[in-house]
Amino acid sequence: RDWSWSAGARRSVSRAVDLDTKGQFLLDHVCNHYNLLERDYFGIRYVDPDKQRHWLDPSKPVVRQMKCQQPYTMCFRVKFYPQEPIKIKEELTRYLLYLQLKRDAYHGRLLCPFADAAYVGACIVQAELGEYDPDEHPADYIAEFKLFPKQTLRLERRIMEIHKNEMRGQTPAMAELNLLQRAHTLDTYGVDPHPCKDFTGVTAFLGFTARGFVVFQGNKRIHLLKWEDVSKLKFEGKAFYVIGLQREKKLVLTFHTSTPAACKHLWKCGVEHQAFYKCVKSSQIKTVCSSNIFFKGTRFRYSGRVAKEVIEASLKIQREPPEVCRSETLTIQVPLSGPPNTLVRVGEEFPAEGADERCSHDEDEGEGKEGEDDQMSGSLTISDMVYTPCCSPLPTPVQYEEGGVAMLFQSPAHMLRELHDDPELQAELRAEYERRAAAVEPAPVAAAQRPRPGQEQVAAWLRGAARLVAVATGVLLVALPLLLVLLESDIDVSFLHDIRQTPEFEQFHHEYYCPLRRWLICTVDSLLEDLTGN
């Protein structure tokens, strides 16, 4: 039996939702059904028809965010991983975090050294099966559990040893807490990997954790930029920029995603995580803009509570701890008032065997590549593998054996080589070129009237120069008045105020504009003195 598809009871809850109901109502409805109070760590995620993942925005209507066909299917997930799981007040919250980490390990997102992988696996087995019993557990009982993408026989034997000798007397709650305590020390704890390319074209995975912004290549973390050192996150099209300080020097990291939608999702995730972990109070959160000075671009603001406020609120919980039903799987169906048969289904991490598995299938499509059955007892450890998590927000399903993420980023040179190697395509292109040339062939011109080649080049250069001057003049006529308004006026408009607060504008104002203005004033004063003196 595959442990990730736990059999259990299934409940269904219905409640009418208006078409203009916002995402916060749906999130509260799910948390109320769980009887969950520490709900700020969680969110609802869905996948659009282009296979791009999104977090449900609590401040926007649910129906307007969903672009797929009805019924709408979403998944309840951990969005912000607690920096210190020991500070979680209730067992129910720890259990839901345990389910998420178990899922992360199964999909290869929680990268573990061998010793940590064995301990994490033993905690899962103890929480699922309880005490080791030689009468009930055969010699290969660990083989029934699919814990990691690649699970060697040596690793299974070590998990059995820890389960037999070190987990005695631990309740499921204790085993789950021990797993959280070990997992939060790993580099990939809380990493939701975003695949991209760096400026050299090498595949990398970006993530946001409680500590800061991280970059993985291969099986190594090559960058960790703490949140206090990250000054700005930007994106333009498929390019994502991280601007910060490292060793008192300005650092700009540039990455390229496969689609603009993936880049925007990456940027919004970074903005939310920085606000959640960095700010002391939610009142300190500001609206951020994705673009440069003169274009507003995408504006976004994280609207929830921050980590410190969540911990303080947890300390004030005084109720009796709710009962945790570990064998149960939840599927909530929320009918929308409006068109008939319109439902919102919010599923738990692990749907029941035989139950509606559409939620997990939609989100994990393209990520369900199971680990190969490795029965060799060699020295392979989890950390020896390249960090290629199956659970990655690729816009379309990708088979790693057919090229993986690199297939999404084919270079122009590679495409040209394929073009030249295809004779049929070459013949079609030649025929199309001949048809177009015949359609636009000009009437014959007398030899005396034909311009000389040198004259044609000069005329083309003059036309290009004239267009350049015209465009530059138009830009100056628009930009200079706006720049003067920004620099000299005291008009307090939100748009102008946001521009004045950007680091680029402040640097331009202090390092370039102010010295230039002082020089112009001194020059004009000296000229006036010379004129009056004469």
Protein backbone atom coordinates (compact mmCIF):
# COMPACT_ATOMS: atom_id res chain seq x y z
CA ARG A 1 0.00 0.00 0.00
CA ASP A 2 1.29 3.45 -0.90
CA TRP A 3 1.34 5.39 2.35
CA SER A 4 0.58 8.71 0.63
CA TRP A 5 -2.96 7.57 -0.26
CA SER A 6 -4.23 6.87 3.24
CA ALA A 7 -7.61 5.20 3.40
CA GLY A 8 -10.07 6.97 5.67
CA ALA A 9 -13.42 8.55 6.06
CA ARG A 10 -14.53 11.29 3.71
CA ARG A 11 -16.75 14.19 4.62
CA SER A 12 -18.43 16.75 2.41
CA VAL A 13 -19.55 20.20 3.49
CA SER A 14 -21.66 22.55 1.41
CA ARG A 15 -22.24 26.24 1.75
CA ALA A 16 -23.55 28.82 -0.67
CA VAL A 17 -21.05 31.36 -1.99
CA ASP A 18 -21.91 34.44 -4.02
CA LEU A 19 -20.16 35.13 -7.29
CA ASP A 20 -18.47 38.18 -5.74
CA THR A 21 -17.29 36.29 -2.64
CA LYS A 22 -13.62 36.93 -1.97
CA GLY A 23 -10.93 34.36 -1.40
CA GLN A 24 -10.70 35.15 2.32
CA PHE A 25 -14.21 33.77 2.85
CA LEU A 26 -13.28 30.46 1.25
CA LEU A 27 -10.05 30.21 3.26
CA ASP A 28 -11.92 30.96 6.50
CA HIS A 29 -14.56 28.40 5.59
CA VAL A 30 -11.95 25.65 5.19
CA CYS A 31 -10.12 26.62 8.39
CA ASN A 32 -13.39 26.73 10.34
CA HIS A 33 -14.20 23.25 9.15
CA TYR A 34 -10.79 22.06 10.34
CA ASN A 35 -11.37 24.01 13.59
CA LEU A 36 -8.00 25.63 12.85
CA LEU A 37 -7.01 28.85 14.62
CA GLU A 38 -3.36 29.20 13.54
CA ARG A 39 -4.47 29.67 9.96
CA ASP A 40 -2.03 32.35 8.77
CA TYR A 41 0.55 29.73 7.76
CA PHE A 42 -1.83 28.21 5.19
CA GLY A 43 -3.25 29.14 1.82
CA ILE A 44 -5.28 27.76 -1.06
CA ARG A 45 -3.53 26.99 -4.33
CA TYR A 46 -4.95 26.25 -7.76
CA VAL A 47 -3.66 25.60 -11.27
CA ASP A 48 -4.84 27.51 -14.34
CA PRO A 49 -5.41 25.88 -17.77
CA ASP A 50 -1.79 26.69 -18.74
CA LYS A 51 -0.54 24.55 -15.81
CA GLN A 52 0.67 27.65 -13.95
CA ARG A 53 0.15 27.60 -10.21
CA HIS A 54 -1.34 30.46 -8.23
CA TRP A 55 -2.15 31.20 -4.63
CA LEU A 56 -5.77 32.26 -4.16
CA ASP A 57 -5.76 36.00 -3.43
CA PRO A 58 -7.87 36.60 -0.29
CA SER A 59 -8.72 40.15 -1.37
CA LYS A 60 -10.18 39.25 -4.79
CA PRO A 61 -13.36 37.36 -5.77
CA VAL A 62 -12.88 33.64 -6.20
CA VAL A 63 -14.69 33.37 -9.53
CA ARG A 64 -12.65 36.15 -11.15
CA GLN A 65 -9.40 34.40 -10.28
CA MET A 66 -10.38 31.01 -11.66
CA LYS A 67 -9.88 30.62 -15.41
CA CYS A 68 -10.54 26.89 -15.62
CA GLN A 69 -13.82 25.12 -16.22
CA GLN A 70 -16.23 24.33 -13.43
CA PRO A 71 -16.17 22.75 -10.94
CA TYR A 72 -13.24 24.71 -9.53
CA THR A 73 -10.61 22.55 -7.84
CA MET A 74 -8.15 23.91 -5.31
CA CYS A 75 -5.71 22.50 -2.74
CA PHE A 76 -5.16 23.46 0.89
CA ARG A 77 -1.41 23.88 1.44
CA VAL A 78 1.17 25.35 3.81
CA LYS A 79 2.12 28.72 2.35
CA PHE A 80 4.45 30.12 5.02
CA TYR A 81 6.54 27.53 6.87
CA PRO A 82 7.06 28.45 10.56
CA GLN A 83 10.65 29.37 11.27
CA GLU A 84 10.50 27.57 14.64
CA PRO A 85 7.90 24.78 14.65
CA ILE A 86 8.27 24.40 18.42
CA LYS A 87 6.42 27.73 18.79
CA ILE A 88 3.27 26.33 17.15
CA LYS A 89 0.69 26.18 19.93
CA GLU A 90 -1.78 23.51 18.80
CA GLU A 91 -1.26 19.90 17.78
CA LEU A 92 -3.68 20.28 14.86
CA THR A 93 -1.47 22.92 13.23
CA ARG A 94 1.62 20.77 13.72
CA TYR A 95 -0.17 17.81 12.14
CA LEU A 96 -1.07 19.79 9.02
CA LEU A 97 2.53 21.03 8.75
CA TYR A 98 3.67 17.41 9.15
CA LEU A 99 1.44 16.38 6.23
CA GLN A 100 2.98 19.09 4.05
CA LEU A 101 6.54 18.07 4.92
CA LYS A 102 5.70 14.43 4.27
CA ARG A 103 4.46 15.50 0.86
CA ASP A 104 7.60 17.59 0.26
CA ALA A 105 9.82 14.60 1.03
CA TYR A 106 7.78 12.36 -1.26
CA HIS A 107 8.08 14.78 -4.20
CA GLY A 108 11.79 15.45 -3.69
CA ARG A 109 11.44 19.04 -2.52
CA LEU A 110 12.81 18.35 0.97
CA LEU A 111 16.42 17.47 0.16
CA CYS A 112 17.97 15.42 3.00
CA PRO A 113 21.41 13.99 3.72
CA PHE A 114 21.36 10.27 4.40
CA ALA A 115 21.23 10.52 8.20
CA ASP A 116 18.45 13.11 8.16
CA ALA A 117 16.50 11.18 5.53
CA ALA A 118 16.61 8.03 7.66
CA TYR A 119 15.43 9.92 10.75
CA VAL A 120 12.63 11.69 8.86
CA GLY A 121 11.51 8.38 7.38
CA ALA A 122 11.51 6.72 10.80
CA CYS A 123 9.37 9.54 12.22
CA ILE A 124 6.84 9.06 9.42
CA VAL A 125 6.72 5.29 9.99
CA GLN A 126 6.28 5.78 13.74
CA ALA A 127 3.47 8.29 13.20
CA GLU A 128 1.72 6.04 10.66
CA LEU A 129 2.26 2.55 12.16
CA GLY A 130 3.08 3.19 15.81
CA GLU A 131 5.41 0.97 17.83
CA TYR A 132 7.47 -1.67 16.07
CA ASP A 133 5.91 -5.09 16.55
CA PRO A 134 7.84 -8.10 15.16
CA ASP A 135 4.60 -10.10 14.97
CA GLU A 136 2.87 -7.51 12.77
CA HIS A 137 5.77 -6.04 10.80
CA PRO A 138 7.61 -8.34 8.38
CA ALA A 139 11.27 -7.95 7.51
CA ASP A 140 10.56 -5.68 4.52
CA TYR A 141 7.69 -3.65 5.94
CA ILE A 142 9.43 -0.35 5.11
CA ALA A 143 9.28 -1.24 1.41
CA GLU A 144 5.51 -0.64 1.57
CA PHE A 145 6.16 3.03 2.32
CA LYS A 146 7.10 5.35 -0.53
CA LEU A 147 8.96 8.05 1.39
CA PHE A 148 11.42 9.57 -1.08
CA PRO A 149 11.74 9.78 -4.88
CA LYS A 150 14.75 7.44 -4.77
CA GLN A 151 14.61 5.01 -1.88
CA THR A 152 17.53 2.60 -1.61
CA LEU A 153 17.59 -0.67 0.28
CA ARG A 154 20.34 0.73 2.51
CA LEU A 155 18.13 3.68 3.43
CA GLU A 156 15.17 1.40 4.21
CA ARG A 157 17.32 -0.73 6.52
CA ARG A 158 18.52 2.36 8.39
CA ILE A 159 14.92 3.59 8.77
CA MET A 160 13.95 0.21 10.26
CA GLU A 161 16.85 0.40 12.74
CA ILE A 162 15.80 3.85 13.96
CA HIS A 163 12.14 2.83 14.12
CA LYS A 164 12.95 -0.23 16.22
CA ASN A 165 15.48 1.32 18.60
CA GLU A 166 14.96 5.11 18.83
CA MET A 167 11.21 5.61 18.42
CA ARG A 168 9.96 3.48 21.27
CA GLY A 169 7.27 5.08 23.39
CA GLN A 170 6.62 7.98 21.02
CA THR A 171 3.02 8.87 20.27
CA PRO A 172 2.08 10.02 16.75
CA ALA A 173 2.10 13.62 17.96
CA MET A 174 5.63 13.25 19.39
CA ALA A 175 6.91 11.60 16.22
CA GLU A 176 5.41 14.38 14.11
CA LEU A 177 6.99 17.05 16.31
CA ASN A 178 10.39 15.34 16.07
CA LEU A 179 10.07 15.34 12.29
CA LEU A 180 9.29 19.07 12.29
CA GLN A 181 12.27 19.77 14.53
CA ARG A 182 14.64 17.88 12.24
CA ALA A 183 13.16 19.15 8.97
CA HIS A 184 13.35 22.84 9.86
CA THR A 185 17.16 22.59 10.12
CA LEU A 186 17.49 21.53 6.46
CA ASP A 187 18.38 23.99 3.71
CA THR A 188 15.31 23.09 1.64
CA TYR A 189 12.81 23.42 4.49
CA GLY A 190 9.97 25.59 3.25
CA VAL A 191 11.34 25.89 -0.29
CA ASP A 192 8.67 25.93 -3.01
CA PRO A 193 11.06 25.57 -5.97
CA HIS A 194 10.64 27.85 -8.97
CA PRO A 195 12.65 26.60 -12.00
CA CYS A 196 14.45 29.22 -14.07
CA LYS A 197 17.73 30.04 -15.81
CA ASP A 198 20.49 32.30 -14.53
CA PHE A 199 22.30 34.79 -16.76
CA THR A 200 24.65 32.06 -17.98
CA GLY A 201 21.78 29.80 -19.05
CA VAL A 202 22.25 27.25 -16.27
CA THR A 203 19.10 25.78 -14.71
CA ALA A 204 18.48 26.92 -11.14
CA PHE A 205 15.71 26.62 -8.59
CA LEU A 206 14.67 29.71 -6.64
CA GLY A 207 12.88 29.64 -3.32
CA PHE A 208 11.81 31.81 -0.41
CA THR A 209 12.23 30.66 3.18
CA ALA A 210 11.96 32.17 6.63
CA ARG A 211 15.64 33.13 6.43
CA GLY A 212 15.61 34.75 3.01
CA PHE A 213 15.96 34.21 -0.73
CA VAL A 214 17.75 31.00 -1.77
CA VAL A 215 19.10 29.65 -5.07
CA PHE A 216 19.90 25.98 -5.73
CA GLN A 217 21.97 24.52 -8.54
CA GLY A 218 22.55 20.81 -8.67
CA ASN A 219 22.28 19.65 -5.07
CA LYS A 220 23.92 22.74 -3.57
CA ARG A 221 22.63 26.03 -2.27
CA ILE A 222 24.67 28.67 -4.07
CA HIS A 223 22.95 31.79 -2.72
CA LEU A 224 21.30 32.79 0.54
CA LEU A 225 20.32 36.43 0.73
CA LYS A 226 18.73 37.25 4.08
CA TRP A 227 15.54 39.28 4.03
CA GLU A 228 17.16 42.26 5.74
CA ASP A 229 19.68 42.38 2.88
CA VAL A 230 17.04 42.23 0.11
CA SER A 231 16.13 45.80 -0.87
CA LYS A 232 13.84 45.14 -3.85
CA LEU A 233 12.30 42.42 -6.01
CA LYS A 234 11.41 43.26 -9.64
CA PHE A 235 10.24 41.53 -12.77
CA GLU A 236 9.89 42.56 -16.40
CA GLY A 237 8.42 40.01 -18.78
CA LYS A 238 10.32 36.77 -18.15
CA ALA A 239 13.20 38.46 -16.26
CA PHE A 240 13.24 38.40 -12.44
CA TYR A 241 15.61 40.66 -10.50
CA VAL A 242 16.73 40.46 -6.87
CA ILE A 243 18.43 43.65 -5.67
CA GLY A 244 20.21 43.62 -2.35
CA LEU A 245 23.43 44.03 -0.41
CA GLN A 246 26.14 41.43 0.14
CA ARG A 247 29.28 42.30 2.06
CA GLU A 248 28.31 45.99 1.92
CA LYS A 249 28.20 45.92 -1.89
CA LYS A 250 25.16 46.23 -4.12
CA LEU A 251 24.14 42.89 -5.60
CA VAL A 252 21.78 42.37 -8.55
CA LEU A 253 20.79 38.79 -9.39
CA THR A 254 19.00 38.18 -12.70
CA PHE A 255 17.01 35.07 -13.61
CA HIS A 256 14.77 34.14 -16.53
CA THR A 257 11.59 32.08 -16.25
CA SER A 258 9.82 30.13 -18.98
CA THR A 259 6.75 32.40 -19.20
CA PRO A 260 5.76 35.90 -18.03
CA ALA A 261 3.02 34.32 -15.88
CA ALA A 262 5.61 32.19 -14.06
CA CYS A 263 7.76 35.27 -13.51
CA LYS A 264 4.85 37.25 -12.06
CA HIS A 265 3.95 34.35 -9.76
CA LEU A 266 7.57 34.15 -8.62
CA TRP A 267 7.62 37.89 -7.89
CA LYS A 268 4.37 37.83 -5.91
CA CYS A 269 5.59 34.88 -3.84
CA GLY A 270 8.79 36.77 -3.03
CA VAL A 271 6.92 39.93 -2.04
CA GLU A 272 4.59 37.99 0.26
CA HIS A 273 7.37 36.01 1.94
CA GLN A 274 9.51 39.09 2.51
CA ALA A 275 6.60 40.93 4.10
CA PHE A 276 5.59 37.95 6.25
CA TYR A 277 9.03 37.21 7.67
CA LYS A 278 10.69 40.64 7.64
CA CYS A 279 8.06 43.07 8.92
CA VAL A 280 7.39 43.41 12.65
CA LYS A 281 3.79 44.60 12.21
CA SER A 282 1.33 44.29 9.36
CA SER A 283 0.94 48.07 9.41
CA GLN A 284 4.53 48.31 8.10
CA ILE A 285 3.69 46.44 4.88
CA LYS A 286 3.82 48.69 1.82
CA THR A 287 2.45 48.37 -1.67
CA VAL A 288 5.28 47.44 -4.04
CA CYS A 289 5.61 48.03 -7.76
CA SER A 290 7.27 45.67 -10.23
CA SER A 291 8.50 48.22 -12.76
CA ASN A 292 10.85 51.17 -13.16
CA ILE A 293 10.29 54.85 -12.45
CA PHE A 294 8.11 56.01 -15.32
CA PHE A 295 5.83 53.00 -15.74
CA LYS A 296 3.58 51.84 -12.92
CA GLY A 297 3.59 48.15 -13.87
CA THR A 298 2.09 45.61 -11.47
CA ARG A 299 1.26 46.81 -7.97
CA PHE A 300 0.82 44.31 -5.16
CA ARG A 301 0.52 44.28 -1.38
CA TYR A 302 0.51 41.38 1.05
CA SER A 303 -2.68 41.73 3.11
CA GLY A 304 -2.25 39.19 5.93
CA ARG A 305 -0.58 39.15 9.32
CA VAL A 306 3.19 38.81 9.71
CA ALA A 307 5.10 36.01 11.44
CA LYS A 308 5.66 37.86 14.71
CA GLU A 309 1.97 38.72 15.01
CA VAL A 310 1.02 35.10 14.32
CA ILE A 311 3.30 33.83 17.10
CA GLU A 312 1.93 36.42 19.54
CA ALA A 313 -1.63 35.41 18.66
CA SER A 314 -0.77 31.73 19.18
CA LEU A 315 0.39 32.43 22.74
CA LYS A 316 -3.05 33.87 23.55
CA ILE A 317 -4.98 30.72 22.55
CA GLN A 318 -6.73 29.42 25.67
CA ARG A 319 -9.18 26.81 24.34
CA GLU A 320 -9.10 23.07 24.84
CA PRO A 321 -6.99 21.46 22.07
CA PRO A 322 -9.25 20.10 19.31
CA GLU A 323 -9.21 16.42 18.49
CA VAL A 324 -6.91 15.48 15.59
CA CYS A 325 -8.38 12.86 13.23
CA ARG A 326 -5.27 11.48 11.57
CA SER A 327 -7.04 8.87 9.46
CA GLU A 328 -9.43 11.30 7.81
CA THR A 329 -9.27 12.97 4.45
CA LEU A 330 -11.33 16.06 3.77
CA THR A 331 -12.96 17.26 0.57
CA ILE A 332 -15.06 20.40 0.95
CA GLN A 333 -17.55 21.23 -1.78
CA VAL A 334 -18.70 24.84 -1.74
CA PRO A 335 -21.56 25.55 -4.19
CA LEU A 336 -21.62 29.01 -5.72
CA SER A 337 -24.93 30.81 -5.96
CA GLY A 338 -25.37 31.63 -9.62
CA PRO A 339 -24.96 29.17 -12.51
CA PRO A 340 -26.13 25.65 -11.66
CA ASN A 341 -23.65 22.91 -10.74
CA THR A 342 -20.94 25.42 -9.84
CA LEU A 343 -18.73 24.02 -7.07
CA VAL A 344 -15.46 24.89 -5.39
CA ARG A 345 -13.70 21.78 -4.14
CA VAL A 346 -10.93 22.25 -1.62
CA GLY A 347 -8.99 19.05 -0.99
CA GLU A 348 -6.54 18.04 1.69
CA GLU A 349 -2.97 17.03 0.89
CA PHE A 350 -3.68 13.29 0.57
CA PRO A 351 -7.06 12.26 -0.87
CA ALA A 352 -8.54 8.98 0.22
CA GLU A 353 -8.08 5.88 -1.88
CA GLY A 354 -10.99 5.73 -4.28
CA ALA A 355 -12.05 9.27 -3.45
CA ASP A 356 -12.07 12.27 -5.75
CA GLU A 357 -8.37 12.74 -6.59
CA ARG A 358 -8.78 15.54 -9.06
CA CYS A 359 -7.32 18.16 -6.73
CA SER A 360 -4.03 16.35 -6.29
CA HIS A 361 -3.93 15.29 -9.94
CA ASP A 362 -4.40 18.83 -11.27
CA GLU A 363 -1.72 20.36 -9.14
CA ASP A 364 0.76 17.53 -9.45
CA GLU A 365 0.35 16.92 -13.18
CA GLY A 366 3.83 16.73 -14.56
CA GLU A 367 5.30 16.13 -11.12
CA GLY A 368 4.21 12.61 -10.38
CA LYS A 369 7.42 11.04 -11.62
CA GLU A 370 8.06 8.36 -9.06
CA GLY A 371 11.54 7.45 -7.92
CA GLU A 372 13.22 4.52 -9.57
CA ASP A 373 13.30 1.27 -7.61
CA ASP A 374 16.87 1.08 -6.50
CA GLN A 375 17.61 -2.20 -4.76
CA MET A 376 21.36 -1.70 -4.70
CA SER A 377 22.92 -1.40 -1.29
CA GLY A 378 25.52 1.10 -2.41
CA SER A 379 26.56 4.34 -0.73
CA LEU A 380 24.04 6.55 -2.55
CA THR A 381 22.55 9.15 -0.22
CA ILE A 382 19.76 11.59 -0.77
CA SER A 383 22.19 14.51 -0.93
CA ASP A 384 24.11 12.87 -3.79
CA MET A 385 21.19 13.43 -6.13
CA VAL A 386 20.77 16.54 -8.23
CA TYR A 387 18.06 18.76 -6.80
CA THR A 388 15.32 18.19 -9.40
CA PRO A 389 12.08 18.30 -7.42
CA CYS A 390 9.12 16.73 -9.16
CA CYS A 391 6.85 19.25 -7.42
CA SER A 392 7.90 22.36 -9.34
CA PRO A 393 5.61 25.03 -10.82
CA LEU A 394 6.35 24.37 -14.47
CA PRO A 395 3.75 25.82 -16.82
CA THR A 396 3.38 22.51 -18.68
CA PRO A 397 4.15 18.91 -17.76
CA VAL A 398 7.78 18.09 -18.48
CA GLN A 399 9.39 14.66 -18.65
CA TYR A 400 12.91 14.87 -17.25
CA GLU A 401 14.16 11.99 -19.38
CA GLU A 402 13.24 13.98 -22.51
CA GLY A 403 15.21 17.05 -21.62
CA GLY A 404 13.39 18.37 -18.56
CA VAL A 405 13.37 22.06 -17.88
CA ALA A 406 15.94 22.71 -20.63
CA MET A 407 13.27 21.93 -23.24
CA LEU A 408 11.47 25.09 -22.19
CA PHE A 409 14.51 27.28 -22.82
CA GLN A 410 15.83 26.28 -26.26
CA SER A 411 18.36 28.74 -27.59
CA PRO A 412 17.97 30.42 -31.02
CA ALA A 413 21.09 28.62 -32.23
CA HIS A 414 19.58 25.26 -31.35
CA MET A 415 16.36 26.14 -33.18
CA LEU A 416 18.30 27.27 -36.26
CA ARG A 417 20.22 23.99 -36.33
CA GLU A 418 16.96 22.08 -36.29
CA LEU A 419 15.67 24.30 -39.10
CA HIS A 420 18.67 23.64 -41.35
CA ASP A 421 18.52 19.89 -40.69
CA ASP A 422 14.93 19.60 -41.97
CA PRO A 423 14.89 19.52 -45.85
CA GLU A 424 11.08 19.58 -46.10
CA LEU A 425 10.85 22.69 -43.97
CA GLN A 426 13.61 24.30 -46.05
CA ALA A 427 11.67 23.60 -49.28
CA GLU A 428 8.51 25.11 -47.82
CA LEU A 429 10.39 28.23 -46.73
CA ARG A 430 11.95 28.67 -50.19
CA ALA A 431 8.55 28.32 -51.90
CA GLU A 432 7.00 30.84 -49.51
CA TYR A 433 9.86 33.27 -50.11
CA GLU A 434 9.45 32.99 -53.90
CA ARG A 435 5.69 33.63 -53.65
CA ARG A 436 6.20 36.72 -51.54
CA ALA A 437 8.96 38.02 -53.84
CA ALA A 438 6.69 37.61 -56.89
CA ALA A 439 3.82 39.41 -55.14
CA VAL A 440 5.86 42.48 -54.22
CA GLU A 441 8.15 42.64 -57.30
CA PRO A 442 8.27 46.34 -58.37
CA ALA A 443 7.77 47.60 -61.91
CA PRO A 444 10.96 48.03 -63.97
CA VAL A 445 12.61 51.42 -63.64
CA ALA A 446 14.73 53.16 -66.21
CA ALA A 447 18.45 52.95 -65.58
CA ALA A 448 18.77 56.73 -65.53
CA GLN A 449 16.15 56.99 -62.81
CA ARG A 450 17.66 54.33 -60.52
CA PRO A 451 19.55 55.82 -57.56
CA ARG A 452 23.13 54.83 -57.03
CA PRO A 453 23.95 52.41 -54.19
CA GLY A 454 25.81 55.12 -52.27
CA GLN A 455 22.86 57.51 -52.55
CA GLU A 456 20.49 54.84 -51.27
CA GLN A 457 22.66 54.25 -48.21
CA VAL A 458 22.92 57.97 -47.46
CA ALA A 459 19.16 58.45 -47.85
CA ALA A 460 18.42 55.49 -45.56
CA TRP A 461 20.88 56.85 -42.98
CA LEU A 462 19.28 60.31 -43.12
CA ARG A 463 15.80 58.87 -42.70
CA GLY A 464 16.94 56.83 -39.72
CA ALA A 465 18.64 59.84 -38.14
CA ALA A 466 15.52 61.96 -38.66
CA ARG A 467 13.33 59.36 -37.01
CA LEU A 468 15.76 59.10 -34.10
CA VAL A 469 15.77 62.86 -33.58
CA ALA A 470 11.98 62.99 -33.74
CA VAL A 471 11.56 60.19 -31.21
CA ALA A 472 14.18 61.66 -28.87
CA THR A 473 12.53 65.10 -29.05
CA GLY A 474 9.13 63.62 -28.25
CA VAL A 475 10.51 61.67 -25.30
CA LEU A 476 12.25 64.75 -23.93
CA LEU A 477 9.12 66.88 -24.29
CA VAL A 478 7.24 64.33 -22.19
CA ALA A 479 9.94 63.26 -19.75
CA LEU A 480 11.47 66.64 -18.85
CA PRO A 481 8.24 68.24 -17.54
CA LEU A 482 7.43 65.10 -15.57
CA LEU A 483 10.97 64.99 -14.18
CA LEU A 484 10.79 68.64 -13.13
CA VAL A 485 7.46 68.03 -11.43
CA LEU A 486 8.95 65.08 -9.54
CA LEU A 487 12.11 66.93 -8.53
CA GLU A 488 10.92 70.47 -7.83
CA SER A 489 7.21 70.41 -6.99
CA ASP A 490 5.58 69.54 -3.67
CA ILE A 491 2.52 67.89 -5.21
CA ASP A 492 1.56 65.00 -2.91
CA VAL A 493 -0.07 62.50 -5.25
CA SER A 494 0.14 58.79 -4.47
CA PHE A 495 1.66 58.01 -7.88
CA LEU A 496 4.35 60.69 -7.54
CA HIS A 497 4.94 59.80 -3.90
CA ASP A 498 5.61 56.15 -4.77
CA ILE A 499 8.10 57.19 -7.46
CA ARG A 500 9.94 59.50 -5.06
CA GLN A 501 10.31 56.64 -2.55
CA THR A 502 12.07 54.30 -4.98
CA PRO A 503 15.82 53.72 -4.37
CA GLU A 504 16.65 54.50 -8.01
CA PHE A 505 14.96 57.90 -7.86
CA GLU A 506 16.62 58.82 -4.56
CA GLN A 507 20.02 57.87 -5.96
CA PHE A 508 19.43 59.91 -9.12
CA HIS A 509 18.25 62.91 -7.07
CA HIS A 510 21.18 62.99 -4.64
CA GLU A 511 24.05 61.87 -6.87
CA TYR A 512 23.19 63.51 -10.21
CA TYR A 513 20.41 66.07 -10.08
CA CYS A 514 21.48 68.05 -7.00
CA PRO A 515 25.13 68.50 -8.14
CA LEU A 516 23.93 69.48 -11.63
CA ARG A 517 21.50 72.03 -10.23
CA ARG A 518 24.18 73.59 -8.00
CA TRP A 519 26.55 73.81 -10.98
CA LEU A 520 23.91 75.50 -13.13
CA ILE A 521 23.07 78.01 -10.39
CA CYS A 522 26.73 78.90 -9.87
CA THR A 523 27.28 79.25 -13.63
CA VAL A 524 24.25 81.52 -14.07
CA ASP A 525 25.25 83.65 -11.07
CA SER A 526 28.77 84.14 -12.41
CA LEU A 527 27.43 85.12 -15.84
CA LEU A 528 25.04 87.63 -14.30
CA GLU A 529 27.85 89.14 -12.21
CA ASP A 530 30.01 89.50 -15.31
CA LEU A 531 27.17 91.22 -17.20
CA THR A 532 26.35 93.60 -14.37
CA GLY A 533 30.04 94.36 -13.80
CA ASN A 534 30.53 95.33 -17.47
